[in-house]
Full PDB file with SEQRES, HELIX, SHEET, SSBOND, CRYST1, ORIGX, SCALE, CONECT and MASTER records, all heavy atoms in Angstrom:
SEQRES   1 A   36  HIS ASP PHE ASP VAL GLU PHE MET ARG ILE LEU ALA ASP          
SEQRES   2 A   36  GLN LEU HIS ARG SER PHE ARG ARG GLN ASN ARG ILE SER          
SEQRES   3 A   36  ARG ASP GLU GLY GLU ASP PRO SER THR PHE                      
HELIX    1 AA1 ASP A    2  ASP A   28  1                                  27    
HELIX    2 AA2 PRO A   33  THR A   35  5                                   3    
CRYST1    1.000    1.000    1.000  90.00  90.00  90.00 P 1           1          
ORIGX1      1.000000  0.000000  0.000000        0.00000                         
ORIGX2      0.000000  1.000000  0.000000        0.00000                         
ORIGX3      0.000000  0.000000  1.000000        0.00000                         
SCALE1      1.000000  0.000000  0.000000        0.00000                         
SCALE2      0.000000  1.000000  0.000000        0.00000                         
SCALE3      0.000000  0.000000  1.000000        0.00000                         
ATOM      1  N   HIS A   1       0.773  -1.211   0.029  1.00  0.00           N  
ATOM      2  CA  HIS A   1      -0.019  -0.024  -0.029  1.00  0.00           C  
ATOM      3  C   HIS A   1       0.839   1.259   0.011  1.00  0.00           C  
ATOM      4  O   HIS A   1       0.665   2.182  -0.805  1.00  0.00           O  
ATOM      5  CB  HIS A   1      -0.949   0.017   1.217  1.00  0.00           C  
ATOM      6  CG  HIS A   1      -1.778   1.254   1.360  1.00  0.00           C  
ATOM      7  ND1 HIS A   1      -1.373   2.269   2.160  1.00  0.00           N  
ATOM      8  CD2 HIS A   1      -2.891   1.621   0.759  1.00  0.00           C  
ATOM      9  CE1 HIS A   1      -2.236   3.229   2.130  1.00  0.00           C  
ATOM     10  NE2 HIS A   1      -3.221   2.867   1.292  1.00  0.00           N  
ATOM     11  N   ASP A   2       1.871   1.327   0.925  1.00  0.00           N  
ATOM     12  CA  ASP A   2       2.669   2.598   1.018  1.00  0.00           C  
ATOM     13  C   ASP A   2       3.420   2.905  -0.287  1.00  0.00           C  
ATOM     14  O   ASP A   2       3.477   4.047  -0.627  1.00  0.00           O  
ATOM     15  CB  ASP A   2       3.679   2.440   2.122  1.00  0.00           C  
ATOM     16  CG  ASP A   2       2.956   2.447   3.496  1.00  0.00           C  
ATOM     17  OD1 ASP A   2       1.701   2.770   3.556  1.00  0.00           O  
ATOM     18  OD2 ASP A   2       3.583   2.162   4.544  1.00  0.00           O  
ATOM     19  N   PHE A   3       3.859   1.884  -0.901  1.00  0.00           N  
ATOM     20  CA  PHE A   3       4.602   2.071  -2.156  1.00  0.00           C  
ATOM     21  C   PHE A   3       3.681   2.626  -3.273  1.00  0.00           C  
ATOM     22  O   PHE A   3       3.963   3.523  -4.030  1.00  0.00           O  
ATOM     23  CB  PHE A   3       5.299   0.785  -2.638  1.00  0.00           C  
ATOM     24  CG  PHE A   3       6.070   0.906  -3.884  1.00  0.00           C  
ATOM     25  CD1 PHE A   3       7.427   1.411  -3.905  1.00  0.00           C  
ATOM     26  CD2 PHE A   3       5.502   0.618  -5.157  1.00  0.00           C  
ATOM     27  CE1 PHE A   3       8.127   1.526  -4.992  1.00  0.00           C  
ATOM     28  CE2 PHE A   3       6.246   0.726  -6.317  1.00  0.00           C  
ATOM     29  CZ  PHE A   3       7.513   1.216  -6.279  1.00  0.00           C  
ATOM     30  N   ASP A   4       2.528   2.008  -3.398  1.00  0.00           N  
ATOM     31  CA  ASP A   4       1.505   2.383  -4.367  1.00  0.00           C  
ATOM     32  C   ASP A   4       1.042   3.803  -4.155  1.00  0.00           C  
ATOM     33  O   ASP A   4       0.898   4.603  -5.041  1.00  0.00           O  
ATOM     34  CB  ASP A   4       0.316   1.436  -4.359  1.00  0.00           C  
ATOM     35  CG  ASP A   4       0.723   0.090  -4.953  1.00  0.00           C  
ATOM     36  OD1 ASP A   4       1.637  -0.040  -5.686  1.00  0.00           O  
ATOM     37  OD2 ASP A   4       0.068  -0.893  -4.637  1.00  0.00           O  
ATOM     38  N   VAL A   5       0.809   4.178  -2.851  1.00  0.00           N  
ATOM     39  CA  VAL A   5       0.366   5.467  -2.485  1.00  0.00           C  
ATOM     40  C   VAL A   5       1.479   6.542  -2.845  1.00  0.00           C  
ATOM     41  O   VAL A   5       1.177   7.575  -3.442  1.00  0.00           O  
ATOM     42  CB  VAL A   5       0.042   5.547  -1.039  1.00  0.00           C  
ATOM     43  CG1 VAL A   5      -0.141   7.007  -0.549  1.00  0.00           C  
ATOM     44  CG2 VAL A   5      -1.232   4.795  -0.684  1.00  0.00           C  
ATOM     45  N   GLU A   6       2.720   6.181  -2.582  1.00  0.00           N  
ATOM     46  CA  GLU A   6       3.779   7.136  -2.911  1.00  0.00           C  
ATOM     47  C   GLU A   6       3.897   7.303  -4.394  1.00  0.00           C  
ATOM     48  O   GLU A   6       4.175   8.370  -4.935  1.00  0.00           O  
ATOM     49  CB  GLU A   6       5.117   6.617  -2.332  1.00  0.00           C  
ATOM     50  CG  GLU A   6       6.346   7.467  -2.629  1.00  0.00           C  
ATOM     51  CD  GLU A   6       6.289   8.830  -1.977  1.00  0.00           C  
ATOM     52  OE1 GLU A   6       5.369   9.112  -1.208  1.00  0.00           O  
ATOM     53  OE2 GLU A   6       7.133   9.719  -2.386  1.00  0.00           O  
ATOM     54  N   PHE A   7       3.759   6.206  -5.154  1.00  0.00           N  
ATOM     55  CA  PHE A   7       3.785   6.244  -6.601  1.00  0.00           C  
ATOM     56  C   PHE A   7       2.738   7.248  -7.140  1.00  0.00           C  
ATOM     57  O   PHE A   7       2.991   8.077  -7.934  1.00  0.00           O  
ATOM     58  CB  PHE A   7       3.608   4.818  -7.178  1.00  0.00           C  
ATOM     59  CG  PHE A   7       3.731   4.722  -8.619  1.00  0.00           C  
ATOM     60  CD1 PHE A   7       4.977   4.452  -9.245  1.00  0.00           C  
ATOM     61  CD2 PHE A   7       2.628   4.925  -9.453  1.00  0.00           C  
ATOM     62  CE1 PHE A   7       5.051   4.311 -10.615  1.00  0.00           C  
ATOM     63  CE2 PHE A   7       2.708   4.844 -10.868  1.00  0.00           C  
ATOM     64  CZ  PHE A   7       3.983   4.473 -11.405  1.00  0.00           C  
ATOM     65  N   MET A   8       1.505   7.026  -6.629  1.00  0.00           N  
ATOM     66  CA  MET A   8       0.377   7.934  -7.056  1.00  0.00           C  
ATOM     67  C   MET A   8       0.665   9.333  -6.619  1.00  0.00           C  
ATOM     68  O   MET A   8       0.343  10.346  -7.374  1.00  0.00           O  
ATOM     69  CB  MET A   8      -0.949   7.450  -6.465  1.00  0.00           C  
ATOM     70  CG  MET A   8      -1.253   6.032  -6.773  1.00  0.00           C  
ATOM     71  SD  MET A   8      -1.478   5.785  -8.555  1.00  0.00           S  
ATOM     72  CE  MET A   8      -2.003   3.961  -8.579  1.00  0.00           C  
ATOM     73  N   ARG A   9       1.206   9.535  -5.420  1.00  0.00           N  
ATOM     74  CA  ARG A   9       1.403  10.884  -4.920  1.00  0.00           C  
ATOM     75  C   ARG A   9       2.356  11.668  -5.790  1.00  0.00           C  
ATOM     76  O   ARG A   9       2.227  12.850  -6.085  1.00  0.00           O  
ATOM     77  CB  ARG A   9       1.966  10.812  -3.471  1.00  0.00           C  
ATOM     78  CG  ARG A   9       2.081  12.189  -2.800  1.00  0.00           C  
ATOM     79  CD  ARG A   9       2.975  12.146  -1.590  1.00  0.00           C  
ATOM     80  NE  ARG A   9       4.381  11.923  -1.998  1.00  0.00           N  
ATOM     81  CZ  ARG A   9       5.173  12.873  -2.587  1.00  0.00           C  
ATOM     82  NH1 ARG A   9       4.724  14.024  -2.803  1.00  0.00           N  
ATOM     83  NH2 ARG A   9       6.418  12.531  -2.887  1.00  0.00           N  
ATOM     84  N   ILE A  10       3.518  10.960  -6.244  1.00  0.00           N  
ATOM     85  CA  ILE A  10       4.390  11.595  -7.081  1.00  0.00           C  
ATOM     86  C   ILE A  10       3.833  11.975  -8.429  1.00  0.00           C  
ATOM     87  O   ILE A  10       4.019  13.131  -8.920  1.00  0.00           O  
ATOM     88  CB  ILE A  10       5.615  10.694  -7.339  1.00  0.00           C  
ATOM     89  CG1 ILE A  10       6.449  10.498  -6.014  1.00  0.00           C  
ATOM     90  CG2 ILE A  10       6.518  11.164  -8.470  1.00  0.00           C  
ATOM     91  CD1 ILE A  10       7.550   9.472  -6.176  1.00  0.00           C  
ATOM     92  N   LEU A  11       3.042  11.094  -9.024  1.00  0.00           N  
ATOM     93  CA  LEU A  11       2.413  11.461 -10.276  1.00  0.00           C  
ATOM     94  C   LEU A  11       1.392  12.714 -10.119  1.00  0.00           C  
ATOM     95  O   LEU A  11       1.307  13.489 -10.965  1.00  0.00           O  
ATOM     96  CB  LEU A  11       1.656  10.225 -10.831  1.00  0.00           C  
ATOM     97  CG  LEU A  11       2.502   9.090 -11.254  1.00  0.00           C  
ATOM     98  CD1 LEU A  11       1.687   7.943 -11.848  1.00  0.00           C  
ATOM     99  CD2 LEU A  11       3.582   9.560 -12.288  1.00  0.00           C  
ATOM    100  N   ALA A  12       0.624  12.629  -8.976  1.00  0.00           N  
ATOM    101  CA  ALA A  12      -0.290  13.693  -8.699  1.00  0.00           C  
ATOM    102  C   ALA A  12       0.453  15.040  -8.487  1.00  0.00           C  
ATOM    103  O   ALA A  12       0.027  16.082  -8.911  1.00  0.00           O  
ATOM    104  CB  ALA A  12      -1.157  13.434  -7.495  1.00  0.00           C  
ATOM    105  N   ASP A  13       1.610  14.931  -7.843  1.00  0.00           N  
ATOM    106  CA  ASP A  13       2.445  16.155  -7.570  1.00  0.00           C  
ATOM    107  C   ASP A  13       2.943  16.716  -8.888  1.00  0.00           C  
ATOM    108  O   ASP A  13       3.006  17.924  -9.142  1.00  0.00           O  
ATOM    109  CB  ASP A  13       3.583  15.715  -6.651  1.00  0.00           C  
ATOM    110  CG  ASP A  13       4.465  16.995  -6.357  1.00  0.00           C  
ATOM    111  OD1 ASP A  13       3.916  17.938  -5.753  1.00  0.00           O  
ATOM    112  OD2 ASP A  13       5.667  16.959  -6.687  1.00  0.00           O  
ATOM    113  N   GLN A  14       3.285  15.781  -9.864  1.00  0.00           N  
ATOM    114  CA  GLN A  14       3.809  16.261 -11.117  1.00  0.00           C  
ATOM    115  C   GLN A  14       2.654  17.025 -11.865  1.00  0.00           C  
ATOM    116  O   GLN A  14       2.844  18.061 -12.497  1.00  0.00           O  
ATOM    117  CB  GLN A  14       4.240  15.072 -12.005  1.00  0.00           C  
ATOM    118  CG  GLN A  14       5.561  14.481 -11.483  1.00  0.00           C  
ATOM    119  CD  GLN A  14       5.825  13.188 -12.131  1.00  0.00           C  
ATOM    120  OE1 GLN A  14       5.067  12.640 -12.855  1.00  0.00           O  
ATOM    121  NE2 GLN A  14       7.059  12.628 -11.886  1.00  0.00           N  
ATOM    122  N   LEU A  15       1.477  16.502 -11.701  1.00  0.00           N  
ATOM    123  CA  LEU A  15       0.264  17.142 -12.384  1.00  0.00           C  
ATOM    124  C   LEU A  15       0.091  18.519 -11.889  1.00  0.00           C  
ATOM    125  O   LEU A  15      -0.100  19.479 -12.520  1.00  0.00           O  
ATOM    126  CB  LEU A  15      -0.943  16.256 -12.122  1.00  0.00           C  
ATOM    127  CG  LEU A  15      -2.244  16.807 -12.704  1.00  0.00           C  
ATOM    128  CD1 LEU A  15      -2.165  16.950 -14.249  1.00  0.00           C  
ATOM    129  CD2 LEU A  15      -3.409  15.878 -12.406  1.00  0.00           C  
ATOM    130  N   HIS A  16       0.179  18.611 -10.459  1.00  0.00           N  
ATOM    131  CA  HIS A  16      -0.008  19.886  -9.789  1.00  0.00           C  
ATOM    132  C   HIS A  16       1.061  20.877 -10.272  1.00  0.00           C  
ATOM    133  O   HIS A  16       0.745  22.044 -10.646  1.00  0.00           O  
ATOM    134  CB  HIS A  16       0.035  19.701  -8.272  1.00  0.00           C  
ATOM    135  CG  HIS A  16      -0.060  20.980  -7.515  1.00  0.00           C  
ATOM    136  ND1 HIS A  16      -1.158  21.730  -7.466  1.00  0.00           N  
ATOM    137  CD2 HIS A  16       0.784  21.604  -6.738  1.00  0.00           C  
ATOM    138  CE1 HIS A  16      -0.992  22.804  -6.712  1.00  0.00           C  
ATOM    139  NE2 HIS A  16       0.219  22.710  -6.184  1.00  0.00           N  
ATOM    140  N   ARG A  17       2.286  20.420 -10.332  1.00  0.00           N  
ATOM    141  CA  ARG A  17       3.407  21.287 -10.691  1.00  0.00           C  
ATOM    142  C   ARG A  17       3.250  21.767 -12.188  1.00  0.00           C  
ATOM    143  O   ARG A  17       3.543  22.877 -12.561  1.00  0.00           O  
ATOM    144  CB  ARG A  17       4.727  20.589 -10.572  1.00  0.00           C  
ATOM    145  CG  ARG A  17       5.153  20.432  -9.064  1.00  0.00           C  
ATOM    146  CD  ARG A  17       6.452  19.631  -9.012  1.00  0.00           C  
ATOM    147  NE  ARG A  17       6.824  19.343  -7.577  1.00  0.00           N  
ATOM    148  CZ  ARG A  17       7.570  20.197  -6.918  1.00  0.00           C  
ATOM    149  NH1 ARG A  17       8.051  21.256  -7.464  1.00  0.00           N  
ATOM    150  NH2 ARG A  17       7.861  19.931  -5.610  1.00  0.00           N  
ATOM    151  N   SER A  18       2.799  20.893 -13.094  1.00  0.00           N  
ATOM    152  CA  SER A  18       2.573  21.211 -14.445  1.00  0.00           C  
ATOM    153  C   SER A  18       1.588  22.345 -14.575  1.00  0.00           C  
ATOM    154  O   SER A  18       1.718  23.285 -15.392  1.00  0.00           O  
ATOM    155  CB  SER A  18       2.195  20.007 -15.288  1.00  0.00           C  
ATOM    156  OG  SER A  18       0.910  19.605 -14.998  1.00  0.00           O  
ATOM    157  N   PHE A  19       0.501  22.293 -13.829  1.00  0.00           N  
ATOM    158  CA  PHE A  19      -0.560  23.314 -13.871  1.00  0.00           C  
ATOM    159  C   PHE A  19       0.084  24.596 -13.359  1.00  0.00           C  
ATOM    160  O   PHE A  19      -0.202  25.727 -13.934  1.00  0.00           O  
ATOM    161  CB  PHE A  19      -1.712  22.921 -13.053  1.00  0.00           C  
ATOM    162  CG  PHE A  19      -2.715  22.083 -13.772  1.00  0.00           C  
ATOM    163  CD1 PHE A  19      -2.704  20.723 -13.600  1.00  0.00           C  
ATOM    164  CD2 PHE A  19      -3.643  22.649 -14.602  1.00  0.00           C  
ATOM    165  CE1 PHE A  19      -3.644  19.923 -14.247  1.00  0.00           C  
ATOM    166  CE2 PHE A  19      -4.610  21.852 -15.317  1.00  0.00           C  
ATOM    167  CZ  PHE A  19      -4.550  20.503 -15.116  1.00  0.00           C  
ATOM    168  N   ARG A  20       0.791  24.595 -12.227  1.00  0.00           N  
ATOM    169  CA  ARG A  20       1.367  25.869 -11.737  1.00  0.00           C  
ATOM    170  C   ARG A  20       2.334  26.402 -12.696  1.00  0.00           C  
ATOM    171  O   ARG A  20       2.420  27.638 -12.844  1.00  0.00           O  
ATOM    172  CB  ARG A  20       2.084  25.510 -10.366  1.00  0.00           C  
ATOM    173  CG  ARG A  20       1.088  25.187  -9.269  1.00  0.00           C  
ATOM    174  CD  ARG A  20       1.824  24.988  -7.949  1.00  0.00           C  
ATOM    175  NE  ARG A  20       2.531  26.174  -7.540  1.00  0.00           N  
ATOM    176  CZ  ARG A  20       3.382  26.214  -6.491  1.00  0.00           C  
ATOM    177  NH1 ARG A  20       3.551  25.142  -5.759  1.00  0.00           N  
ATOM    178  NH2 ARG A  20       3.970  27.295  -6.151  1.00  0.00           N  
ATOM    179  N   ARG A  21       3.199  25.519 -13.305  1.00  0.00           N  
ATOM    180  CA  ARG A  21       4.234  26.090 -14.234  1.00  0.00           C  
ATOM    181  C   ARG A  21       3.570  26.775 -15.490  1.00  0.00           C  
ATOM    182  O   ARG A  21       3.941  27.865 -15.845  1.00  0.00           O  
ATOM    183  CB  ARG A  21       5.107  24.950 -14.704  1.00  0.00           C  
ATOM    184  CG  ARG A  21       6.226  25.343 -15.698  1.00  0.00           C  
ATOM    185  CD  ARG A  21       7.179  24.191 -16.009  1.00  0.00           C  
ATOM    186  NE  ARG A  21       6.553  23.137 -16.668  1.00  0.00           N  
ATOM    187  CZ  ARG A  21       6.223  21.987 -16.157  1.00  0.00           C  
ATOM    188  NH1 ARG A  21       6.502  21.700 -14.881  1.00  0.00           N  
ATOM    189  NH2 ARG A  21       5.619  21.016 -16.810  1.00  0.00           N  
ATOM    190  N   GLN A  22       2.544  26.092 -15.982  1.00  0.00           N  
ATOM    191  CA  GLN A  22       1.871  26.700 -17.116  1.00  0.00           C  
ATOM    192  C   GLN A  22       1.099  28.008 -16.755  1.00  0.00           C  
ATOM    193  O   GLN A  22       1.079  28.943 -17.515  1.00  0.00           O  
ATOM    194  CB  GLN A  22       0.911  25.693 -17.758  1.00  0.00           C  
ATOM    195  CG  GLN A  22       0.364  26.142 -19.145  1.00  0.00           C  
ATOM    196  CD  GLN A  22       1.507  26.316 -20.125  1.00  0.00           C  
ATOM    197  OE1 GLN A  22       2.388  25.527 -20.207  1.00  0.00           O  
ATOM    198  NE2 GLN A  22       1.368  27.347 -20.997  1.00  0.00           N  
ATOM    199  N   ASN A  23       0.566  28.043 -15.559  1.00  0.00           N  
ATOM    200  CA  ASN A  23      -0.132  29.214 -15.061  1.00  0.00           C  
ATOM    201  C   ASN A  23       0.849  30.343 -14.922  1.00  0.00           C  
ATOM    202  O   ASN A  23       0.591  31.525 -15.366  1.00  0.00           O  
ATOM    203  CB  ASN A  23      -0.780  28.935 -13.681  1.00  0.00           C  
ATOM    204  CG  ASN A  23      -1.694  30.027 -13.325  1.00  0.00           C  
ATOM    205  OD1 ASN A  23      -2.080  30.829 -14.099  1.00  0.00           O  
ATOM    206  ND2 ASN A  23      -2.127  29.961 -12.064  1.00  0.00           N  
ATOM    207  N   ARG A  24       2.094  30.034 -14.451  1.00  0.00           N  
ATOM    208  CA  ARG A  24       3.118  31.174 -14.343  1.00  0.00           C  
ATOM    209  C   ARG A  24       3.573  31.619 -15.686  1.00  0.00           C  
ATOM    210  O   ARG A  24       3.688  32.807 -15.847  1.00  0.00           O  
ATOM    211  CB  ARG A  24       4.273  30.537 -13.532  1.00  0.00           C  
ATOM    212  CG  ARG A  24       5.329  31.607 -13.149  1.00  0.00           C  
ATOM    213  CD  ARG A  24       6.305  31.023 -12.158  1.00  0.00           C  
ATOM    214  NE  ARG A  24       6.969  29.783 -12.577  1.00  0.00           N  
ATOM    215  CZ  ARG A  24       6.721  28.693 -11.998  1.00  0.00           C  
ATOM    216  NH1 ARG A  24       5.800  28.512 -11.017  1.00  0.00           N  
ATOM    217  NH2 ARG A  24       7.290  27.498 -12.412  1.00  0.00           N  
ATOM    218  N   ILE A  25       3.753  30.719 -16.623  1.00  0.00           N  
ATOM    219  CA  ILE A  25       4.099  31.173 -18.003  1.00  0.00           C  
ATOM    220  C   ILE A  25       3.056  32.075 -18.569  1.00  0.00           C  
ATOM    221  O   ILE A  25       3.324  33.029 -19.212  1.00  0.00           O  
ATOM    222  CB  ILE A  25       4.314  29.869 -18.901  1.00  0.00           C  
ATOM    223  CG1 ILE A  25       5.576  29.088 -18.420  1.00  0.00           C  
ATOM    224  CG2 ILE A  25       4.517  30.309 -20.336  1.00  0.00           C  
ATOM    225  CD1 ILE A  25       5.745  27.787 -19.084  1.00  0.00           C  
ATOM    226  N   SER A  26       1.757  31.649 -18.405  1.00  0.00           N  
ATOM    227  CA  SER A  26       0.684  32.443 -18.976  1.00  0.00           C  
ATOM    228  C   SER A  26       0.646  33.897 -18.386  1.00  0.00           C  
ATOM    229  O   SER A  26       0.407  34.818 -19.067  1.00  0.00           O  
ATOM    230  CB  SER A  26      -0.633  31.708 -18.682  1.00  0.00           C  
ATOM    231  OG  SER A  26      -0.670  30.481 -19.343  1.00  0.00           O  
ATOM    232  N   ARG A  27       0.903  33.962 -17.063  1.00  0.00           N  
ATOM    233  CA  ARG A  27       0.896  35.255 -16.389  1.00  0.00           C  
ATOM    234  C   ARG A  27       2.093  36.140 -16.926  1.00  0.00           C  
ATOM    235  O   ARG A  27       1.920  37.351 -17.218  1.00  0.00           O  
ATOM    236  CB  ARG A  27       1.069  35.083 -14.890  1.00  0.00           C  
ATOM    237  CG  ARG A  27      -0.231  34.531 -14.180  1.00  0.00           C  
ATOM    238  CD  ARG A  27       0.024  34.445 -12.688  1.00  0.00           C  
ATOM    239  NE  ARG A  27      -1.196  33.844 -12.028  1.00  0.00           N  
ATOM    240  CZ  ARG A  27      -2.195  34.593 -11.689  1.00  0.00           C  
ATOM    241  NH1 ARG A  27      -2.233  35.918 -11.893  1.00  0.00           N  
ATOM    242  NH2 ARG A  27      -3.217  34.017 -11.088  1.00  0.00           N  
ATOM    243  N   ASP A  28       3.259  35.474 -17.085  1.00  0.00           N  
ATOM    244  CA  ASP A  28       4.378  36.202 -17.561  1.00  0.00           C  
ATOM    245  C   ASP A  28       4.176  36.744 -18.959  1.00  0.00           C  
ATOM    246  O   ASP A  28       4.724  37.769 -19.374  1.00  0.00           O  
ATOM    247  CB  ASP A  28       5.670  35.345 -17.556  1.00  0.00           C  
ATOM    248  CG  ASP A  28       6.067  34.989 -16.150  1.00  0.00           C  
ATOM    249  OD1 ASP A  28       5.615  35.681 -15.177  1.00  0.00           O  
ATOM    250  OD2 ASP A  28       6.904  34.052 -15.970  1.00  0.00           O  
ATOM    251  N   GLU A  29       3.419  36.025 -19.757  1.00  0.00           N  
ATOM    252  CA  GLU A  29       3.108  36.454 -21.149  1.00  0.00           C  
ATOM    253  C   GLU A  29       1.935  37.371 -21.202  1.00  0.00           C  
ATOM    254  O   GLU A  29       1.520  37.683 -22.356  1.00  0.00           O  
ATOM    255  CB  GLU A  29       2.934  35.234 -22.053  1.00  0.00           C  
ATOM    256  CG  GLU A  29       4.271  34.331 -22.132  1.00  0.00           C  
ATOM    257  CD  GLU A  29       3.974  33.141 -23.004  1.00  0.00           C  
ATOM    258  OE1 GLU A  29       2.812  32.799 -23.345  1.00  0.00           O  
ATOM    259  OE2 GLU A  29       4.992  32.466 -23.309  1.00  0.00           O  
ATOM    260  N   GLY A  30       1.371  37.744 -20.064  1.00  0.00           N  
ATOM    261  CA  GLY A  30       0.219  38.621 -20.088  1.00  0.00           C  
ATOM    262  C   GLY A  30      -1.081  38.007 -20.521  1.00  0.00           C  
ATOM    263  O   GLY A  30      -2.026  38.739 -20.839  1.00  0.00           O  
ATOM    264  N   GLU A  31      -1.152  36.702 -20.439  1.00  0.00           N  
ATOM    265  CA  GLU A  31      -2.411  36.095 -20.836  1.00  0.00           C  
ATOM    266  C   GLU A  31      -3.350  35.911 -19.643  1.00  0.00           C  
ATOM    267  O   GLU A  31      -2.894  35.925 -18.487  1.00  0.00           O  
ATOM    268  CB  GLU A  31      -2.083  34.658 -21.463  1.00  0.00           C  
ATOM    269  CG  GLU A  31      -1.293  34.680 -22.697  1.00  0.00           C  
ATOM    270  CD  GLU A  31      -0.980  33.276 -23.218  1.00  0.00           C  
ATOM    271  OE1 GLU A  31      -1.543  32.358 -22.562  1.00  0.00           O  
ATOM    272  OE2 GLU A  31      -0.201  33.111 -24.121  1.00  0.00           O  
ATOM    273  N   ASP A  32      -4.629  35.728 -19.906  1.00  0.00           N  
ATOM    274  CA  ASP A  32      -5.577  35.508 -18.888  1.00  0.00           C  
ATOM    275  C   ASP A  32      -5.288  34.037 -18.295  1.00  0.00           C  
ATOM    276  O   ASP A  32      -5.203  33.114 -19.047  1.00  0.00           O  
ATOM    277  CB  ASP A  32      -7.016  35.517 -19.457  1.00  0.00           C  
ATOM    278  CG  ASP A  32      -8.052  35.283 -18.410  1.00  0.00           C  
ATOM    279  OD1 ASP A  32      -7.702  34.927 -17.299  1.00  0.00           O  
ATOM    280  OD2 ASP A  32      -9.230  35.439 -18.734  1.00  0.00           O  
ATOM    281  N   PRO A  33      -5.052  33.939 -16.979  1.00  0.00           N  
ATOM    282  CA  PRO A  33      -4.719  32.623 -16.451  1.00  0.00           C  
ATOM    283  C   PRO A  33      -5.801  31.608 -16.743  1.00  0.00           C  
ATOM    284  O   PRO A  33      -5.486  30.375 -16.698  1.00  0.00           O  
ATOM    285  CB  PRO A  33      -4.656  32.952 -14.888  1.00  0.00           C  
ATOM    286  CG  PRO A  33      -4.325  34.376 -14.829  1.00  0.00           C  
ATOM    287  CD  PRO A  33      -5.010  35.022 -15.992  1.00  0.00           C  
ATOM    288  N   SER A  34      -6.991  31.994 -16.855  1.00  0.00           N  
ATOM    289  CA  SER A  34      -8.015  31.032 -17.109  1.00  0.00           C  
ATOM    290  C   SER A  34      -7.927  30.398 -18.521  1.00  0.00           C  
ATOM    291  O   SER A  34      -8.649  29.429 -18.813  1.00  0.00           O  
ATOM    292  CB  SER A  34      -9.422  31.721 -17.007  1.00  0.00           C  
ATOM    293  OG  SER A  34      -9.644  32.690 -18.017  1.00  0.00           O  
ATOM    294  N   THR A  35      -7.030  30.929 -19.354  1.00  0.00           N  
ATOM    295  CA  THR A  35      -6.912  30.397 -20.778  1.00  0.00           C  
ATOM    296  C   THR A  35      -5.616  29.568 -20.856  1.00  0.00           C  
ATOM    297  O   THR A  35      -5.201  29.371 -22.022  1.00  0.00           O  
ATOM    298  CB  THR A  35      -6.883  31.472 -21.735  1.00  0.00           C  
ATOM    299  OG1 THR A  35      -5.786  32.335 -21.537  1.00  0.00           O  
ATOM    300  CG2 THR A  35      -8.192  32.366 -21.631  1.00  0.00           C  
ATOM    301  N   PHE A  36      -4.998  29.122 -19.788  1.00  0.00           N  
ATOM    302  CA  PHE A  36      -3.757  28.484 -19.956  1.00  0.00           C  
ATOM    303  C   PHE A  36      -3.840  26.928 -20.317  1.00  0.00           C  
ATOM    304  O   PHE A  36      -2.856  26.289 -20.358  1.00  0.00           O  
ATOM    305  CB  PHE A  36      -2.894  28.664 -18.656  1.00  0.00           C  
ATOM    306  CG  PHE A  36      -3.342  27.747 -17.527  1.00  0.00           C  
ATOM    307  CD1 PHE A  36      -2.788  26.512 -17.379  1.00  0.00           C  
ATOM    308  CD2 PHE A  36      -4.229  28.175 -16.615  1.00  0.00           C  
ATOM    309  CE1 PHE A  36      -3.117  25.717 -16.280  1.00  0.00           C  
ATOM    310  CE2 PHE A  36      -4.553  27.378 -15.551  1.00  0.00           C  
ATOM    311  CZ  PHE A  36      -4.065  26.147 -15.401  1.00  0.00           C  
TER     312      PHE A  36                                                      
MASTER        0    0    0    2    0    0    0    6  311    1    0    3          
END                                                                             
């Protein structure tokens, strides 16, 4: 269980980071964050 949970947590964390990264890029380029 612990291994599987950690595996899923890492993938979920990558998903979260990808959204934050793209949101930051959109803001830097002056785009509406809702359109990223």
